[in-house]
Protein backbone atom coordinates (compact mmCIF):
# COMPACT_ATOMS: atom_id res chain seq x y z
CA MET A 1 110.44 99.80 96.54
CA ALA A 2 114.13 99.41 97.43
CA GLY A 3 116.15 98.38 94.66
CA THR A 4 119.30 100.73 94.09
CA ASP A 5 122.77 99.19 93.11
CA HIS A 6 125.66 101.30 94.54
CA ARG A 7 127.94 99.49 92.14
CA GLN A 8 126.71 101.83 89.37
CA SER A 9 126.67 105.60 89.16
CA ALA A 10 123.42 107.43 89.84
CA GLY A 11 123.05 108.54 86.32
CA ALA A 12 123.93 104.54 84.73
CA ASP A 13 121.81 103.21 82.64
CA GLU A 14 123.44 99.19 81.91
CA GLY A 15 123.00 98.59 78.35
CA ALA A 16 121.35 101.80 77.10
CA VAL A 17 122.65 105.51 76.02
CA MET A 18 119.93 107.93 77.58
CA PRO A 19 119.27 111.37 75.69
CA VAL A 20 120.00 114.30 78.20
CA GLY A 21 116.43 114.81 80.08
CA PRO A 22 114.57 118.12 80.47
CA ALA A 23 115.28 120.37 83.38
CA ILE A 24 112.64 119.87 86.28
CA ILE A 25 111.60 123.56 87.18
CA LEU A 26 110.27 124.02 90.57
CA VAL A 27 108.43 127.15 90.69
CA ARG A 28 107.84 128.63 94.26
CA PRO A 29 108.28 125.88 95.98
CA GLN A 30 107.41 125.94 99.40
CA LEU A 31 109.07 123.06 101.67
CA GLY A 32 112.65 121.94 101.48
CA GLU A 33 111.08 118.51 102.08
CA ASN A 34 109.50 118.52 98.92
CA ILE A 35 112.15 119.67 96.95
CA GLY A 36 114.45 116.70 98.30
CA THR A 37 111.60 114.15 97.58
CA ALA A 38 111.00 115.21 94.26
CA ALA A 39 115.05 115.66 93.67
CA ARG A 40 114.68 111.62 94.81
CA ALA A 41 112.10 111.23 91.95
CA MET A 42 114.21 112.47 89.14
CA LEU A 43 117.38 110.56 90.33
CA ASN A 44 115.21 107.23 90.58
CA CYS A 45 114.29 108.22 86.60
CA GLY A 46 117.90 109.32 85.30
CA LEU A 47 117.07 113.11 85.22
CA SER A 48 119.27 115.11 87.58
CA THR A 49 118.73 118.96 86.34
CA LEU A 50 116.96 120.68 88.85
CA ARG A 51 116.08 124.53 88.46
CA LEU A 52 114.48 126.21 91.39
CA VAL A 53 112.33 129.16 91.22
CA ALA A 54 112.05 131.72 94.45
CA PRO A 55 112.14 128.68 96.68
CA ARG A 56 110.12 130.18 99.77
CA ASP A 57 112.39 128.95 102.33
CA GLY A 58 115.52 130.19 100.44
CA TRP A 59 118.59 127.69 99.33
CA PRO A 60 120.33 125.59 100.00
CA ASN A 61 117.65 124.25 102.43
CA PRO A 62 119.40 121.49 104.58
CA LYS A 63 115.55 119.76 104.75
CA ALA A 64 115.82 119.43 100.77
CA LEU A 65 119.35 117.34 101.34
CA ASN A 66 117.93 115.19 103.98
CA ALA A 67 114.84 114.30 102.03
CA ALA A 68 116.46 113.33 99.10
CA SER A 69 117.37 110.20 100.55
CA GLY A 70 120.60 110.13 98.61
CA ALA A 71 119.96 112.16 95.98
CA ASP A 72 122.86 114.88 96.63
CA GLU A 73 124.17 115.23 93.16
CA VAL A 74 120.96 116.67 92.08
CA ILE A 75 120.58 118.84 95.16
CA GLY A 76 124.02 119.86 94.96
CA GLY A 77 123.70 120.73 91.12
CA ALA A 78 120.53 122.79 91.71
CA GLU A 79 120.36 126.24 90.16
CA LEU A 80 118.62 129.21 91.76
CA TYR A 81 116.60 131.75 89.57
CA PRO A 82 114.32 134.52 90.87
CA ASP A 83 111.26 133.85 88.38
CA VAL A 84 110.31 131.71 85.42
CA ALA A 85 111.32 133.91 82.78
CA SER A 86 114.85 133.43 83.34
CA ALA A 87 114.61 129.63 84.39
CA VAL A 88 113.83 128.76 80.92
CA ALA A 89 115.03 131.95 79.17
CA ASP A 90 117.74 128.97 77.64
CA LEU A 91 115.14 126.11 76.54
CA ASN A 92 113.60 125.92 73.50
CA ARG A 93 110.67 123.93 74.51
CA VAL A 94 108.76 124.32 77.71
CA TYR A 95 105.96 122.03 79.43
CA ALA A 96 104.15 123.13 82.48
CA THR A 97 101.73 120.75 84.88
CA THR A 98 98.98 121.65 86.08
CA ALA A 99 95.33 120.01 87.51
CA ARG A 100 93.37 123.29 87.35
CA PRO A 101 91.68 124.34 84.27
CA ARG A 102 93.18 128.12 83.23
CA GLU A 103 91.61 130.66 80.92
CA LEU A 104 94.46 130.18 78.76
CA ILE A 105 93.96 128.49 75.35
CA LYS A 106 97.06 126.03 75.79
CA ARG A 107 97.56 122.52 74.04
CA VAL A 108 96.74 120.00 76.60
CA ILE A 109 99.03 116.06 76.54
CA ALA A 110 99.30 113.55 78.72
CA PRO A 111 102.71 112.81 80.17
CA ARG A 112 103.44 110.03 78.00
CA GLU A 113 102.66 111.77 74.96
CA ALA A 114 104.84 114.88 76.16
CA ALA A 115 107.52 112.81 77.23
CA ALA A 116 107.13 111.03 73.30
CA GLU A 117 107.33 114.91 71.85
CA GLN A 118 110.35 115.67 74.19
CA ILE A 119 112.56 112.66 72.59
CA GLY A 120 111.66 113.93 69.17
CA GLY A 121 112.89 117.33 70.76
CA VAL A 122 116.24 116.54 72.25
CA GLY A 123 117.13 114.54 68.88
CA GLN A 124 116.36 117.62 66.88
CA GLY A 125 118.85 119.42 69.60
CA GLU A 126 116.33 121.32 71.66
CA ARG A 127 116.17 121.86 75.25
CA ILE A 128 113.66 120.84 77.03
CA GLY A 129 112.34 121.89 80.55
CA VAL A 130 109.28 120.79 82.64
CA LEU A 131 107.44 123.46 85.11
CA PHE A 132 105.99 122.25 88.24
CA GLY A 133 104.13 125.06 90.48
CA ALA A 134 103.85 125.24 94.40
CA GLU A 135 102.07 122.98 96.31
CA ARG A 136 99.25 125.06 97.30
CA THR A 137 98.67 127.22 94.16
CA GLY A 138 100.29 126.06 91.35
CA LEU A 139 101.35 127.80 88.74
CA SER A 140 100.39 131.40 87.97
CA ASN A 141 98.58 132.64 84.02
CA ASP A 142 101.48 134.38 84.03
CA GLU A 143 103.84 131.59 84.25
CA LEU A 144 101.56 129.11 82.45
CA GLY A 145 102.10 131.49 79.83
CA HIS A 146 106.23 130.58 79.36
CA ALA A 147 104.92 127.00 78.33
CA ASP A 148 104.18 125.72 74.99
CA ALA A 149 102.08 122.59 76.43
CA ILE A 150 100.28 121.80 79.31
CA ILE A 151 101.18 118.38 80.64
CA GLU A 152 97.74 116.87 82.77
CA VAL A 153 97.67 113.61 84.48
CA PRO A 154 94.68 111.40 83.35
CA LEU A 155 93.67 110.65 87.05
CA ASN A 156 90.46 110.17 88.88
CA PRO A 157 88.65 113.77 88.20
CA GLY A 158 86.99 113.42 91.42
CA PHE A 159 90.14 113.42 93.42
CA ALA A 160 93.14 114.51 91.04
CA SER A 161 95.40 115.98 93.62
CA LEU A 162 98.97 114.98 93.15
CA ASN A 163 102.04 116.26 96.09
CA LEU A 164 105.09 117.42 94.45
CA ALA A 165 107.20 114.31 93.96
CA GLN A 166 104.55 112.58 92.77
CA ALA A 167 103.86 114.84 89.64
CA VAL A 168 107.76 114.89 89.37
CA LEU A 169 107.59 111.07 89.32
CA ILE A 170 104.85 110.57 87.03
CA VAL A 171 106.95 112.82 84.06
CA ALA A 172 109.97 111.40 85.05
CA TYR A 173 109.05 108.02 84.81
CA GLU A 174 107.15 108.31 81.28
CA TRP A 175 110.50 110.63 80.07
CA ARG A 176 112.44 107.49 81.05
CA MET A 177 110.33 104.39 79.08
CA ALA A 178 109.99 106.87 76.16
CA ALA A 179 114.28 107.10 76.40
CA LEU A 180 114.68 103.48 76.95
CA GLY A 181 112.08 101.99 74.39
CA PRO A 182 110.14 98.69 74.67
CA VAL A 183 111.45 96.99 78.00
CA GLU A 184 111.36 93.18 77.38
CA GLY A 185 110.08 91.36 80.58
CA ARG A 186 113.48 89.37 82.06
CA LEU A 187 113.77 86.08 84.75
CA PRO A 188 116.27 86.88 87.13
CA LEU A 189 117.88 83.20 88.11
CA GLY A 190 119.78 84.06 90.79
CA THR A 191 122.98 82.14 91.34
CA THR A 192 121.51 79.10 89.64
CA VAL A 193 121.30 78.51 85.66
CA PRO A 194 118.89 77.03 83.34
CA ALA A 195 118.88 72.83 82.99
CA THR A 196 120.54 71.53 80.36
CA LYS A 197 118.62 68.92 78.38
CA SER A 198 120.63 65.99 79.18
CA GLU A 199 119.41 66.86 83.02
CA ILE A 200 116.09 67.20 82.06
CA GLU A 201 116.18 63.82 80.48
CA ALA A 202 117.55 62.61 83.54
CA PHE A 203 114.70 63.74 85.57
CA LEU A 204 112.01 62.51 83.37
CA ARG A 205 113.61 58.76 82.95
CA THR A 206 113.43 58.70 86.92
CA LEU A 207 109.89 60.50 86.87
CA ASN A 208 108.51 58.14 84.24
CA ALA A 209 110.12 54.56 86.20
CA ALA A 210 108.55 55.77 89.43
CA LEU A 211 105.59 55.76 87.81
CA ASP A 212 105.81 52.76 85.93
CA ALA A 213 106.65 51.40 89.32
CA ARG A 214 103.42 52.58 90.91
CA GLU A 215 101.31 51.44 87.53
CA PHE A 216 100.55 55.11 87.10
CA PHE A 217 99.80 54.62 83.33
CA PRO A 218 96.43 53.02 82.62
CA THR A 219 97.73 50.99 79.46
CA PRO A 220 100.83 50.58 77.40
CA GLU A 221 99.08 52.50 74.80
CA MET A 222 98.55 55.34 76.38
CA ARG A 223 102.13 55.74 78.24
CA PRO A 224 103.73 57.43 75.53
CA THR A 225 100.90 60.28 75.03
CA MET A 226 101.45 60.82 78.75
CA VAL A 227 105.02 60.44 78.49
CA GLN A 228 105.32 63.14 76.04
CA ASN A 229 102.48 65.37 77.87
CA LEU A 230 104.88 65.49 80.92
CA ARG A 231 107.75 66.22 78.98
CA ALA A 232 106.07 68.89 77.37
CA LEU A 233 104.92 70.28 80.82
CA VAL A 234 108.67 70.16 82.08
CA GLU A 235 110.35 71.72 78.73
CA ARG A 236 107.75 74.34 78.74
CA LEU A 237 108.40 75.40 82.50
CA VAL A 238 112.58 76.21 81.30
CA PRO A 239 113.04 74.88 84.73
CA THR A 240 116.53 75.92 86.29
CA GLN A 241 119.37 73.02 87.58
CA GLN A 242 118.63 74.16 91.26
CA GLU A 243 114.42 73.25 90.32
CA ILE A 244 115.28 70.19 88.50
CA GLN A 245 117.51 68.81 91.61
CA THR A 246 114.45 69.62 93.70
CA LEU A 247 112.30 67.53 91.57
CA PHE A 248 114.74 64.60 91.47
CA GLY A 249 114.48 65.00 95.53
CA VAL A 250 110.93 64.94 95.36
CA VAL A 251 110.28 61.74 92.85
CA LYS A 252 112.93 59.42 95.42
CA ALA A 253 111.07 60.88 98.53
CA LEU A 254 108.08 59.22 97.18
CA GLN A 255 109.69 55.96 95.97
CA ARG A 256 111.06 55.58 99.74
CA PRO A 257 108.94 53.39 101.82
CA PRO A 258 107.15 55.33 104.67
CA GLY A 259 108.75 55.30 107.89
CA PRO A 260 108.41 56.01 111.62
CA ARG A 261 107.07 59.78 112.31
CA LYS A 262 109.99 62.09 113.31
CA PRO A 263 109.23 64.06 116.62
CA GLY A 264 107.79 67.10 116.31
CA GLY A 265 105.95 66.11 113.39
CA SER A 266 102.38 66.85 112.19
CA GLY A 267 99.84 64.87 113.48
């Protein structure tokens, strides 16, 4: 889904002050393309702190920058570490993602629950990180040992495999939603604006007059109720000025007597 607004800075959130997000830590990532798409997923959700632990093909990696599709600030600011211990040394709380059962006894939570915890921790001044393992092997037990909890996405147990960018996107998205809080639906109106009451009233007068002319109302006694129903219907739709003008045109077109068929019209 395309929808980038280049008028805003990549990390900006209109009307919202976002807390500092977790560091995304990719452990032994194999392909530069996967690092790039993970960076893109991060910036989609307003995260920018990327840490790389011993990437297989070294760093920097041109393939990562190409795959980031514009998330240059994430790639450019990526920090390189030799091992997990050094990558998490300055953090207060660490989560690890895995879909494989391990012998370690660790608390397992879903991404949404983890995000809520992270927001609480950041509010108390904690620095948070999330570990993601290598594409083929995931995280080792030693690497998981640095985590305070395991994040497990409740997917189809018969097919729970995710690629690296997908896993990062899920965790980052849940963080973003937890940080933003309840998000209300909206109705983009484009260049038009809601119709005024007087515009709606004028349309209803035109409509009712046309219906009277066609003897639409069965009896005089039923007319007031039916007119009220039509008003309630139109008011409930909250029409725009453009929509009211279109409805005016529909009624006026139906009032005109049928004319000769235009060339090329349907037969």
